[in-house]
mmCIF file of all heavy atoms, coordinates in Angstrom:
data_MODEL
# 
_entry.id   MODEL 
# 
loop_
_atom_site.group_PDB 
_atom_site.id 
_atom_site.type_symbol 
_atom_site.label_atom_id 
_atom_site.label_alt_id 
_atom_site.label_comp_id 
_atom_site.label_asym_id 
_atom_site.label_entity_id 
_atom_site.label_seq_id 
_atom_site.pdbx_PDB_ins_code 
_atom_site.Cartn_x 
_atom_site.Cartn_y 
_atom_site.Cartn_z 
_atom_site.occupancy 
_atom_site.B_iso_or_equiv 
_atom_site.pdbx_formal_charge 
_atom_site.auth_seq_id 
_atom_site.auth_comp_id 
_atom_site.auth_asym_id 
_atom_site.auth_atom_id 
_atom_site.pdbx_PDB_model_num 
ATOM 1   N N   . ASP A 1 1  ? -27.334 16.568  16.163 1.00 0.00 ? 1  ASP A N   1 
ATOM 2   C CA  . ASP A 1 1  ? -28.279 16.467  15.022 1.00 0.00 ? 1  ASP A CA  1 
ATOM 3   C C   . ASP A 1 1  ? -28.867 15.095  15.103 1.00 0.00 ? 1  ASP A C   1 
ATOM 4   O O   . ASP A 1 1  ? -28.518 14.193  14.473 1.00 0.00 ? 1  ASP A O   1 
ATOM 5   C CB  . ASP A 1 1  ? -27.323 16.641  13.692 1.00 0.00 ? 1  ASP A CB  1 
ATOM 6   C CG  . ASP A 1 1  ? -28.211 16.800  12.524 1.00 0.00 ? 1  ASP A CG  1 
ATOM 7   O OD1 . ASP A 1 1  ? -29.417 16.711  12.608 1.00 0.00 ? 1  ASP A OD1 1 
ATOM 8   O OD2 . ASP A 1 1  ? -27.567 16.962  11.405 1.00 0.00 ? 1  ASP A OD2 1 
ATOM 9   N N   . VAL A 1 2  ? -30.099 15.061  15.769 1.00 0.00 ? 2  VAL A N   1 
ATOM 10  C CA  . VAL A 1 2  ? -30.771 13.845  15.941 1.00 0.00 ? 2  VAL A CA  1 
ATOM 11  C C   . VAL A 1 2  ? -31.297 13.173  14.798 1.00 0.00 ? 2  VAL A C   1 
ATOM 12  O O   . VAL A 1 2  ? -31.673 11.862  14.976 1.00 0.00 ? 2  VAL A O   1 
ATOM 13  C CB  . VAL A 1 2  ? -31.808 14.011  17.057 1.00 0.00 ? 2  VAL A CB  1 
ATOM 14  C CG1 . VAL A 1 2  ? -31.246 14.529  18.382 1.00 0.00 ? 2  VAL A CG1 1 
ATOM 15  C CG2 . VAL A 1 2  ? -32.880 15.046  16.597 1.00 0.00 ? 2  VAL A CG2 1 
ATOM 16  N N   . GLU A 1 3  ? -31.351 13.781  13.616 1.00 0.00 ? 3  GLU A N   1 
ATOM 17  C CA  . GLU A 1 3  ? -32.003 13.256  12.444 1.00 0.00 ? 3  GLU A CA  1 
ATOM 18  C C   . GLU A 1 3  ? -30.846 12.840  11.526 1.00 0.00 ? 3  GLU A C   1 
ATOM 19  O O   . GLU A 1 3  ? -31.082 12.293  10.376 1.00 0.00 ? 3  GLU A O   1 
ATOM 20  C CB  . GLU A 1 3  ? -32.911 14.119  11.839 1.00 0.00 ? 3  GLU A CB  1 
ATOM 21  C CG  . GLU A 1 3  ? -34.221 14.282  12.599 1.00 0.00 ? 3  GLU A CG  1 
ATOM 22  C CD  . GLU A 1 3  ? -35.219 15.125  11.962 1.00 0.00 ? 3  GLU A CD  1 
ATOM 23  O OE1 . GLU A 1 3  ? -34.927 15.631  10.864 1.00 0.00 ? 3  GLU A OE1 1 
ATOM 24  O OE2 . GLU A 1 3  ? -36.257 15.459  12.674 1.00 0.00 ? 3  GLU A OE2 1 
ATOM 25  N N   . ALA A 1 4  ? -29.625 13.087  11.916 1.00 0.00 ? 4  ALA A N   1 
ATOM 26  C CA  . ALA A 1 4  ? -28.435 12.786  11.027 1.00 0.00 ? 4  ALA A CA  1 
ATOM 27  C C   . ALA A 1 4  ? -28.234 11.214  11.005 1.00 0.00 ? 4  ALA A C   1 
ATOM 28  O O   . ALA A 1 4  ? -28.417 10.561  12.046 1.00 0.00 ? 4  ALA A O   1 
ATOM 29  C CB  . ALA A 1 4  ? -27.164 13.480  11.374 1.00 0.00 ? 4  ALA A CB  1 
ATOM 30  N N   . ASP A 1 5  ? -27.622 10.778  9.940  1.00 0.00 ? 5  ASP A N   1 
ATOM 31  C CA  . ASP A 1 5  ? -27.286 9.325   9.893  1.00 0.00 ? 5  ASP A CA  1 
ATOM 32  C C   . ASP A 1 5  ? -26.416 8.794   10.894 1.00 0.00 ? 5  ASP A C   1 
ATOM 33  O O   . ASP A 1 5  ? -26.687 7.765   11.464 1.00 0.00 ? 5  ASP A O   1 
ATOM 34  C CB  . ASP A 1 5  ? -26.690 9.075   8.505  1.00 0.00 ? 5  ASP A CB  1 
ATOM 35  C CG  . ASP A 1 5  ? -27.710 9.059   7.364  1.00 0.00 ? 5  ASP A CG  1 
ATOM 36  O OD1 . ASP A 1 5  ? -29.003 8.847   7.608  1.00 0.00 ? 5  ASP A OD1 1 
ATOM 37  O OD2 . ASP A 1 5  ? -27.423 9.197   6.179  1.00 0.00 ? 5  ASP A OD2 1 
ATOM 38  N N   . PRO A 1 6  ? -25.333 9.460   11.274 1.00 0.00 ? 6  PRO A N   1 
ATOM 39  C CA  . PRO A 1 6  ? -24.467 9.002   12.441 1.00 0.00 ? 6  PRO A CA  1 
ATOM 40  C C   . PRO A 1 6  ? -25.244 8.848   13.741 1.00 0.00 ? 6  PRO A C   1 
ATOM 41  O O   . PRO A 1 6  ? -25.076 7.772   14.490 1.00 0.00 ? 6  PRO A O   1 
ATOM 42  C CB  . PRO A 1 6  ? -23.407 9.954   12.447 1.00 0.00 ? 6  PRO A CB  1 
ATOM 43  C CG  . PRO A 1 6  ? -23.357 10.649  11.178 1.00 0.00 ? 6  PRO A CG  1 
ATOM 44  C CD  . PRO A 1 6  ? -24.717 10.705  10.740 1.00 0.00 ? 6  PRO A CD  1 
ATOM 45  N N   . ALA A 1 7  ? -26.070 9.839   14.107 1.00 0.00 ? 7  ALA A N   1 
ATOM 46  C CA  . ALA A 1 7  ? -26.788 9.750   15.337 1.00 0.00 ? 7  ALA A CA  1 
ATOM 47  C C   . ALA A 1 7  ? -27.876 8.640   15.294 1.00 0.00 ? 7  ALA A C   1 
ATOM 48  O O   . ALA A 1 7  ? -28.062 7.899   16.302 1.00 0.00 ? 7  ALA A O   1 
ATOM 49  C CB  . ALA A 1 7  ? -27.471 11.007  15.591 1.00 0.00 ? 7  ALA A CB  1 
ATOM 50  N N   . LEU A 1 8  ? -28.584 8.579   14.177 1.00 0.00 ? 8  LEU A N   1 
ATOM 51  C CA  . LEU A 1 8  ? -29.548 7.491   13.987 1.00 0.00 ? 8  LEU A CA  1 
ATOM 52  C C   . LEU A 1 8  ? -28.873 6.033   14.052 1.00 0.00 ? 8  LEU A C   1 
ATOM 53  O O   . LEU A 1 8  ? -29.399 5.120   14.568 1.00 0.00 ? 8  LEU A O   1 
ATOM 54  C CB  . LEU A 1 8  ? -30.350 7.675   12.759 1.00 0.00 ? 8  LEU A CB  1 
ATOM 55  C CG  . LEU A 1 8  ? -31.204 8.927   12.691 1.00 0.00 ? 8  LEU A CG  1 
ATOM 56  C CD1 . LEU A 1 8  ? -31.915 9.028   11.338 1.00 0.00 ? 8  LEU A CD1 1 
ATOM 57  C CD2 . LEU A 1 8  ? -32.300 8.712   13.818 1.00 0.00 ? 8  LEU A CD2 1 
ATOM 58  N N   . ALA A 1 9  ? -27.755 5.920   13.402 1.00 0.00 ? 9  ALA A N   1 
ATOM 59  C CA  . ALA A 1 9  ? -26.976 4.735   13.508 1.00 0.00 ? 9  ALA A CA  1 
ATOM 60  C C   . ALA A 1 9  ? -26.609 4.318   14.919 1.00 0.00 ? 9  ALA A C   1 
ATOM 61  O O   . ALA A 1 9  ? -26.615 3.156   15.291 1.00 0.00 ? 9  ALA A O   1 
ATOM 62  C CB  . ALA A 1 9  ? -25.749 4.706   12.545 1.00 0.00 ? 9  ALA A CB  1 
ATOM 63  N N   . SER A 1 10 ? -26.182 5.319   15.594 1.00 0.00 ? 10 SER A N   1 
ATOM 64  C CA  . SER A 1 10 ? -25.745 5.055   16.993 1.00 0.00 ? 10 SER A CA  1 
ATOM 65  C C   . SER A 1 10 ? -26.975 4.592   17.836 1.00 0.00 ? 10 SER A C   1 
ATOM 66  O O   . SER A 1 10 ? -26.908 3.673   18.622 1.00 0.00 ? 10 SER A O   1 
ATOM 67  C CB  . SER A 1 10 ? -25.238 6.304   17.597 1.00 0.00 ? 10 SER A CB  1 
ATOM 68  O OG  . SER A 1 10 ? -24.960 6.231   18.965 1.00 0.00 ? 10 SER A OG  1 
ATOM 69  N N   . VAL A 1 11 ? -28.130 5.295   17.589 1.00 0.00 ? 11 VAL A N   1 
ATOM 70  C CA  . VAL A 1 11 ? -29.317 4.764   18.268 1.00 0.00 ? 11 VAL A CA  1 
ATOM 71  C C   . VAL A 1 11 ? -29.762 3.433   17.970 1.00 0.00 ? 11 VAL A C   1 
ATOM 72  O O   . VAL A 1 11 ? -30.124 2.594   18.874 1.00 0.00 ? 11 VAL A O   1 
ATOM 73  C CB  . VAL A 1 11 ? -30.499 5.738   18.066 1.00 0.00 ? 11 VAL A CB  1 
ATOM 74  C CG1 . VAL A 1 11 ? -31.824 5.194   18.525 1.00 0.00 ? 11 VAL A CG1 1 
ATOM 75  C CG2 . VAL A 1 11 ? -30.225 7.115   18.693 1.00 0.00 ? 11 VAL A CG2 1 
ATOM 76  N N   . ARG A 1 12 ? -29.668 2.988   16.601 1.00 0.00 ? 12 ARG A N   1 
ATOM 77  C CA  . ARG A 1 12 ? -29.986 1.679   16.207 1.00 0.00 ? 12 ARG A CA  1 
ATOM 78  C C   . ARG A 1 12 ? -29.151 0.606   16.881 1.00 0.00 ? 12 ARG A C   1 
ATOM 79  O O   . ARG A 1 12 ? -29.526 -0.400  17.274 1.00 0.00 ? 12 ARG A O   1 
ATOM 80  C CB  . ARG A 1 12 ? -29.868 1.513   14.775 1.00 0.00 ? 12 ARG A CB  1 
ATOM 81  C CG  . ARG A 1 12 ? -31.071 2.142   13.977 1.00 0.00 ? 12 ARG A CG  1 
ATOM 82  C CD  . ARG A 1 12 ? -31.210 1.762   12.456 1.00 0.00 ? 12 ARG A CD  1 
ATOM 83  N NE  . ARG A 1 12 ? -30.147 2.548   11.879 1.00 0.00 ? 12 ARG A NE  1 
ATOM 84  C CZ  . ARG A 1 12 ? -30.235 3.706   11.284 1.00 0.00 ? 12 ARG A CZ  1 
ATOM 85  N NH1 . ARG A 1 12 ? -31.416 4.415   11.479 1.00 0.00 ? 12 ARG A NH1 1 
ATOM 86  N NH2 . ARG A 1 12 ? -29.319 4.341   10.709 1.00 0.00 ? 12 ARG A NH2 1 
ATOM 87  N N   . GLU A 1 13 ? -27.775 0.971   17.060 1.00 0.00 ? 13 GLU A N   1 
ATOM 88  C CA  . GLU A 1 13 ? -26.817 -0.012  17.619 1.00 0.00 ? 13 GLU A CA  1 
ATOM 89  C C   . GLU A 1 13 ? -27.132 -0.113  19.140 1.00 0.00 ? 13 GLU A C   1 
ATOM 90  O O   . GLU A 1 13 ? -27.043 -1.221  19.631 1.00 0.00 ? 13 GLU A O   1 
ATOM 91  C CB  . GLU A 1 13 ? -25.362 0.555   17.504 1.00 0.00 ? 13 GLU A CB  1 
ATOM 92  C CG  . GLU A 1 13 ? -24.887 0.550   16.013 1.00 0.00 ? 13 GLU A CG  1 
ATOM 93  C CD  . GLU A 1 13 ? -23.458 1.168   15.895 1.00 0.00 ? 13 GLU A CD  1 
ATOM 94  O OE1 . GLU A 1 13 ? -22.906 1.579   17.015 1.00 0.00 ? 13 GLU A OE1 1 
ATOM 95  O OE2 . GLU A 1 13 ? -23.112 1.523   14.792 1.00 0.00 ? 13 GLU A OE2 1 
ATOM 96  N N   . ARG A 1 14 ? -27.450 0.962   19.792 1.00 0.00 ? 14 ARG A N   1 
ATOM 97  C CA  . ARG A 1 14 ? -27.695 0.779   21.258 1.00 0.00 ? 14 ARG A CA  1 
ATOM 98  C C   . ARG A 1 14 ? -29.019 0.183   21.356 1.00 0.00 ? 14 ARG A C   1 
ATOM 99  O O   . ARG A 1 14 ? -29.219 -0.688  22.398 1.00 0.00 ? 14 ARG A O   1 
ATOM 100 C CB  . ARG A 1 14 ? -27.781 2.241   21.766 1.00 0.00 ? 14 ARG A CB  1 
ATOM 101 C CG  . ARG A 1 14 ? -26.364 2.897   21.929 1.00 0.00 ? 14 ARG A CG  1 
ATOM 102 C CD  . ARG A 1 14 ? -26.317 4.154   22.488 1.00 0.00 ? 14 ARG A CD  1 
ATOM 103 N NE  . ARG A 1 14 ? -26.697 4.247   23.948 1.00 0.00 ? 14 ARG A NE  1 
ATOM 104 C CZ  . ARG A 1 14 ? -25.834 3.932   24.971 1.00 0.00 ? 14 ARG A CZ  1 
ATOM 105 N NH1 . ARG A 1 14 ? -24.553 3.770   24.756 1.00 0.00 ? 14 ARG A NH1 1 
ATOM 106 N NH2 . ARG A 1 14 ? -26.318 4.016   26.150 1.00 0.00 ? 14 ARG A NH2 1 
ATOM 107 N N   . ASN A 1 15 ? -30.036 0.451   20.591 1.00 0.00 ? 15 ASN A N   1 
ATOM 108 C CA  . ASN A 1 15 ? -31.320 -0.411  20.719 1.00 0.00 ? 15 ASN A CA  1 
ATOM 109 C C   . ASN A 1 15 ? -31.042 -1.758  20.492 1.00 0.00 ? 15 ASN A C   1 
ATOM 110 O O   . ASN A 1 15 ? -31.699 -2.725  21.181 1.00 0.00 ? 15 ASN A O   1 
ATOM 111 C CB  . ASN A 1 15 ? -32.280 0.158   19.749 1.00 0.00 ? 15 ASN A CB  1 
ATOM 112 C CG  . ASN A 1 15 ? -32.930 1.475   20.112 1.00 0.00 ? 15 ASN A CG  1 
ATOM 113 O OD1 . ASN A 1 15 ? -32.776 1.903   21.247 1.00 0.00 ? 15 ASN A OD1 1 
ATOM 114 N ND2 . ASN A 1 15 ? -33.568 2.097   19.214 1.00 0.00 ? 15 ASN A ND2 1 
ATOM 115 N N   . ALA A 1 16 ? -30.275 -2.236  19.471 1.00 0.00 ? 16 ALA A N   1 
ATOM 116 C CA  . ALA A 1 16 ? -29.975 -3.613  19.204 1.00 0.00 ? 16 ALA A CA  1 
ATOM 117 C C   . ALA A 1 16 ? -29.289 -4.259  20.442 1.00 0.00 ? 16 ALA A C   1 
ATOM 118 O O   . ALA A 1 16 ? -29.742 -5.456  20.817 1.00 0.00 ? 16 ALA A O   1 
ATOM 119 C CB  . ALA A 1 16 ? -29.212 -3.762  18.024 1.00 0.00 ? 16 ALA A CB  1 
ATOM 120 N N   . ALA A 1 17 ? -28.351 -3.551  21.011 1.00 0.00 ? 17 ALA A N   1 
ATOM 121 C CA  . ALA A 1 17 ? -27.707 -4.087  22.236 1.00 0.00 ? 17 ALA A CA  1 
ATOM 122 C C   . ALA A 1 17 ? -28.666 -4.335  23.330 1.00 0.00 ? 17 ALA A C   1 
ATOM 123 O O   . ALA A 1 17 ? -28.588 -5.343  24.117 1.00 0.00 ? 17 ALA A O   1 
ATOM 124 C CB  . ALA A 1 17 ? -26.504 -3.327  22.685 1.00 0.00 ? 17 ALA A CB  1 
ATOM 125 N N   . ALA A 1 18 ? -29.545 -3.445  23.536 1.00 0.00 ? 18 ALA A N   1 
ATOM 126 C CA  . ALA A 1 18 ? -30.480 -3.438  24.666 1.00 0.00 ? 18 ALA A CA  1 
ATOM 127 C C   . ALA A 1 18 ? -31.453 -4.657  24.375 1.00 0.00 ? 18 ALA A C   1 
ATOM 128 O O   . ALA A 1 18 ? -31.886 -5.398  25.263 1.00 0.00 ? 18 ALA A O   1 
ATOM 129 C CB  . ALA A 1 18 ? -31.358 -2.178  24.792 1.00 0.00 ? 18 ALA A CB  1 
ATOM 130 N N   . ARG A 1 19 ? -31.925 -4.779  23.114 1.00 0.00 ? 19 ARG A N   1 
ATOM 131 C CA  . ARG A 1 19 ? -32.753 -5.855  22.817 1.00 0.00 ? 19 ARG A CA  1 
ATOM 132 C C   . ARG A 1 19 ? -32.135 -7.136  23.024 1.00 0.00 ? 19 ARG A C   1 
ATOM 133 O O   . ARG A 1 19 ? -32.796 -8.030  23.625 1.00 0.00 ? 19 ARG A O   1 
ATOM 134 C CB  . ARG A 1 19 ? -33.251 -5.770  21.317 1.00 0.00 ? 19 ARG A CB  1 
ATOM 135 C CG  . ARG A 1 19 ? -34.202 -6.875  20.928 1.00 0.00 ? 19 ARG A CG  1 
ATOM 136 C CD  . ARG A 1 19 ? -34.818 -6.718  19.652 1.00 0.00 ? 19 ARG A CD  1 
ATOM 137 N NE  . ARG A 1 19 ? -35.717 -5.693  19.614 1.00 0.00 ? 19 ARG A NE  1 
ATOM 138 C CZ  . ARG A 1 19 ? -36.996 -5.747  19.796 1.00 0.00 ? 19 ARG A CZ  1 
ATOM 139 N NH1 . ARG A 1 19 ? -37.459 -6.860  20.328 1.00 0.00 ? 19 ARG A NH1 1 
ATOM 140 N NH2 . ARG A 1 19 ? -37.835 -4.738  19.808 1.00 0.00 ? 19 ARG A NH2 1 
ATOM 141 N N   . ARG A 1 20 ? -30.871 -7.344  22.705 1.00 0.00 ? 20 ARG A N   1 
ATOM 142 C CA  . ARG A 1 20 ? -30.195 -8.650  22.977 1.00 0.00 ? 20 ARG A CA  1 
ATOM 143 C C   . ARG A 1 20 ? -30.156 -8.918  24.388 1.00 0.00 ? 20 ARG A C   1 
ATOM 144 O O   . ARG A 1 20 ? -30.341 -10.024 24.886 1.00 0.00 ? 20 ARG A O   1 
ATOM 145 C CB  . ARG A 1 20 ? -28.849 -8.528  22.370 1.00 0.00 ? 20 ARG A CB  1 
ATOM 146 C CG  . ARG A 1 20 ? -28.739 -8.808  20.846 1.00 0.00 ? 20 ARG A CG  1 
ATOM 147 C CD  . ARG A 1 20 ? -27.278 -8.861  20.323 1.00 0.00 ? 20 ARG A CD  1 
ATOM 148 N NE  . ARG A 1 20 ? -26.448 -7.834  20.668 1.00 0.00 ? 20 ARG A NE  1 
ATOM 149 C CZ  . ARG A 1 20 ? -26.313 -6.629  19.853 1.00 0.00 ? 20 ARG A CZ  1 
ATOM 150 N NH1 . ARG A 1 20 ? -27.001 -6.589  18.811 1.00 0.00 ? 20 ARG A NH1 1 
ATOM 151 N NH2 . ARG A 1 20 ? -25.362 -5.782  20.323 1.00 0.00 ? 20 ARG A NH2 1 
ATOM 152 N N   . THR A 1 21 ? -29.797 -7.745  25.282 1.00 0.00 ? 21 THR A N   1 
ATOM 153 C CA  . THR A 1 21 ? -29.878 -8.027  26.739 1.00 0.00 ? 21 THR A CA  1 
ATOM 154 C C   . THR A 1 21 ? -31.201 -8.425  27.320 1.00 0.00 ? 21 THR A C   1 
ATOM 155 O O   . THR A 1 21 ? -31.237 -9.372  28.126 1.00 0.00 ? 21 THR A O   1 
ATOM 156 C CB  . THR A 1 21 ? -29.324 -6.695  27.373 1.00 0.00 ? 21 THR A CB  1 
ATOM 157 O OG1 . THR A 1 21 ? -28.033 -6.413  26.848 1.00 0.00 ? 21 THR A OG1 1 
ATOM 158 C CG2 . THR A 1 21 ? -29.312 -6.842  28.918 1.00 0.00 ? 21 THR A CG2 1 
ATOM 159 N N   . LEU A 1 22 ? -32.146 -7.765  26.812 1.00 0.00 ? 22 LEU A N   1 
ATOM 160 C CA  . LEU A 1 22 ? -33.529 -8.103  27.344 1.00 0.00 ? 22 LEU A CA  1 
ATOM 161 C C   . LEU A 1 22 ? -34.017 -9.493  26.859 1.00 0.00 ? 22 LEU A C   1 
ATOM 162 O O   . LEU A 1 22 ? -34.451 -10.375 27.598 1.00 0.00 ? 22 LEU A O   1 
ATOM 163 C CB  . LEU A 1 22 ? -34.613 -7.060  26.861 1.00 0.00 ? 22 LEU A CB  1 
ATOM 164 C CG  . LEU A 1 22 ? -34.469 -5.726  27.416 1.00 0.00 ? 22 LEU A CG  1 
ATOM 165 C CD1 . LEU A 1 22 ? -35.486 -4.740  26.538 1.00 0.00 ? 22 LEU A CD1 1 
ATOM 166 C CD2 . LEU A 1 22 ? -35.016 -5.817  28.814 1.00 0.00 ? 22 LEU A CD2 1 
ATOM 167 N N   . GLU A 1 23 ? -33.699 -9.914  25.641 1.00 0.00 ? 23 GLU A N   1 
ATOM 168 C CA  . GLU A 1 23 ? -34.100 -11.230 25.090 1.00 0.00 ? 23 GLU A CA  1 
ATOM 169 C C   . GLU A 1 23 ? -33.379 -12.271 25.798 1.00 0.00 ? 23 GLU A C   1 
ATOM 170 O O   . GLU A 1 23 ? -33.770 -13.456 25.657 1.00 0.00 ? 23 GLU A O   1 
ATOM 171 C CB  . GLU A 1 23 ? -34.072 -11.191 23.617 1.00 0.00 ? 23 GLU A CB  1 
ATOM 172 C CG  . GLU A 1 23 ? -35.173 -10.259 22.961 1.00 0.00 ? 23 GLU A CG  1 
ATOM 173 C CD  . GLU A 1 23 ? -35.056 -10.246 21.482 1.00 0.00 ? 23 GLU A CD  1 
ATOM 174 O OE1 . GLU A 1 23 ? -33.934 -10.592 20.984 1.00 0.00 ? 23 GLU A OE1 1 
ATOM 175 O OE2 . GLU A 1 23 ? -35.995 -9.650  20.875 1.00 0.00 ? 23 GLU A OE2 1 
ATOM 176 N N   . ALA A 1 24 ? -32.189 -12.036 26.270 1.00 0.00 ? 24 ALA A N   1 
ATOM 177 C CA  . ALA A 1 24 ? -31.416 -13.053 26.935 1.00 0.00 ? 24 ALA A CA  1 
ATOM 178 C C   . ALA A 1 24 ? -31.961 -13.354 28.303 1.00 0.00 ? 24 ALA A C   1 
ATOM 179 O O   . ALA A 1 24 ? -31.757 -14.499 28.854 1.00 0.00 ? 24 ALA A O   1 
ATOM 180 C CB  . ALA A 1 24 ? -29.922 -12.506 27.145 1.00 0.00 ? 24 ALA A CB  1 
ATOM 181 N N   . HIS A 1 25 ? -32.893 -12.546 28.873 1.00 0.00 ? 25 HIS A N   1 
ATOM 182 C CA  . HIS A 1 25 ? -33.390 -12.795 30.227 1.00 0.00 ? 25 HIS A CA  1 
ATOM 183 C C   . HIS A 1 25 ? -34.441 -13.939 30.142 1.00 0.00 ? 25 HIS A C   1 
ATOM 184 O O   . HIS A 1 25 ? -35.254 -13.881 29.208 1.00 0.00 ? 25 HIS A O   1 
ATOM 185 C CB  . HIS A 1 25 ? -34.063 -11.484 30.695 1.00 0.00 ? 25 HIS A CB  1 
ATOM 186 C CG  . HIS A 1 25 ? -34.413 -11.596 32.083 1.00 0.00 ? 25 HIS A CG  1 
ATOM 187 N ND1 . HIS A 1 25 ? -35.642 -12.318 32.513 1.00 0.00 ? 25 HIS A ND1 1 
ATOM 188 C CD2 . HIS A 1 25 ? -33.975 -11.050 33.341 1.00 0.00 ? 25 HIS A CD2 1 
ATOM 189 C CE1 . HIS A 1 25 ? -35.744 -12.247 33.739 1.00 0.00 ? 25 HIS A CE1 1 
ATOM 190 N NE2 . HIS A 1 25 ? -34.712 -11.501 34.215 1.00 0.00 ? 25 HIS A NE2 1 
ATOM 191 N N   . PRO A 1 26 ? -34.457 -14.934 30.898 1.00 0.00 ? 26 PRO A N   1 
ATOM 192 C CA  . PRO A 1 26 ? -35.193 -16.103 30.664 1.00 0.00 ? 26 PRO A CA  1 
ATOM 193 C C   . PRO A 1 26 ? -36.627 -15.771 30.819 1.00 0.00 ? 26 PRO A C   1 
ATOM 194 O O   . PRO A 1 26 ? -37.531 -16.552 30.334 1.00 0.00 ? 26 PRO A O   1 
ATOM 195 C CB  . PRO A 1 26 ? -34.830 -17.019 31.902 1.00 0.00 ? 26 PRO A CB  1 
ATOM 196 C CG  . PRO A 1 26 ? -33.953 -16.303 32.835 1.00 0.00 ? 26 PRO A CG  1 
ATOM 197 C CD  . PRO A 1 26 ? -33.525 -15.016 32.020 1.00 0.00 ? 26 PRO A CD  1 
ATOM 198 N N   . GLN A 1 27 ? -37.136 -14.799 31.438 1.00 0.00 ? 27 GLN A N   1 
ATOM 199 C CA  . GLN A 1 27 ? -38.571 -14.418 31.639 1.00 0.00 ? 27 GLN A CA  1 
ATOM 200 C C   . GLN A 1 27 ? -39.017 -13.293 30.686 1.00 0.00 ? 27 GLN A C   1 
ATOM 201 O O   . GLN A 1 27 ? -40.155 -12.869 30.740 1.00 0.00 ? 27 GLN A O   1 
ATOM 202 C CB  . GLN A 1 27 ? -38.819 -14.047 33.021 1.00 0.00 ? 27 GLN A CB  1 
ATOM 203 C CG  . GLN A 1 27 ? -38.619 -15.187 33.998 1.00 0.00 ? 27 GLN A CG  1 
ATOM 204 C CD  . GLN A 1 27 ? -38.732 -14.670 35.417 1.00 0.00 ? 27 GLN A CD  1 
ATOM 205 O OE1 . GLN A 1 27 ? -38.773 -13.513 35.789 1.00 0.00 ? 27 GLN A OE1 1 
ATOM 206 N NE2 . GLN A 1 27 ? -38.958 -15.605 36.403 1.00 0.00 ? 27 GLN A NE2 1 
ATOM 207 N N   . PHE A 1 28 ? -38.156 -12.853 29.709 1.00 0.00 ? 28 PHE A N   1 
ATOM 208 C CA  . PHE A 1 28 ? -38.434 -11.814 28.881 1.00 0.00 ? 28 PHE A CA  1 
ATOM 209 C C   . PHE A 1 28 ? -39.721 -12.086 28.006 1.00 0.00 ? 28 PHE A C   1 
ATOM 210 O O   . PHE A 1 28 ? -40.641 -11.244 28.029 1.00 0.00 ? 28 PHE A O   1 
ATOM 211 C CB  . PHE A 1 28 ? -37.258 -11.412 28.002 1.00 0.00 ? 28 PHE A CB  1 
ATOM 212 C CG  . PHE A 1 28 ? -37.595 -10.434 26.965 1.00 0.00 ? 28 PHE A CG  1 
ATOM 213 C CD1 . PHE A 1 28 ? -37.824 -9.088  27.271 1.00 0.00 ? 28 PHE A CD1 1 
ATOM 214 C CD2 . PHE A 1 28 ? -37.836 -10.759 25.581 1.00 0.00 ? 28 PHE A CD2 1 
ATOM 215 C CE1 . PHE A 1 28 ? -38.111 -8.046  26.308 1.00 0.00 ? 28 PHE A CE1 1 
ATOM 216 C CE2 . PHE A 1 28 ? -38.290 -9.773  24.733 1.00 0.00 ? 28 PHE A CE2 1 
ATOM 217 C CZ  . PHE A 1 28 ? -38.372 -8.510  24.992 1.00 0.00 ? 28 PHE A CZ  1 
# 
């Protein structure tokens, strides 16, 4: 159920983790 709150919260969490990883790269 891709529009349900639990699925959307999971996507937001994974996006935040990916952003932190990318932004930690010195050339990002």
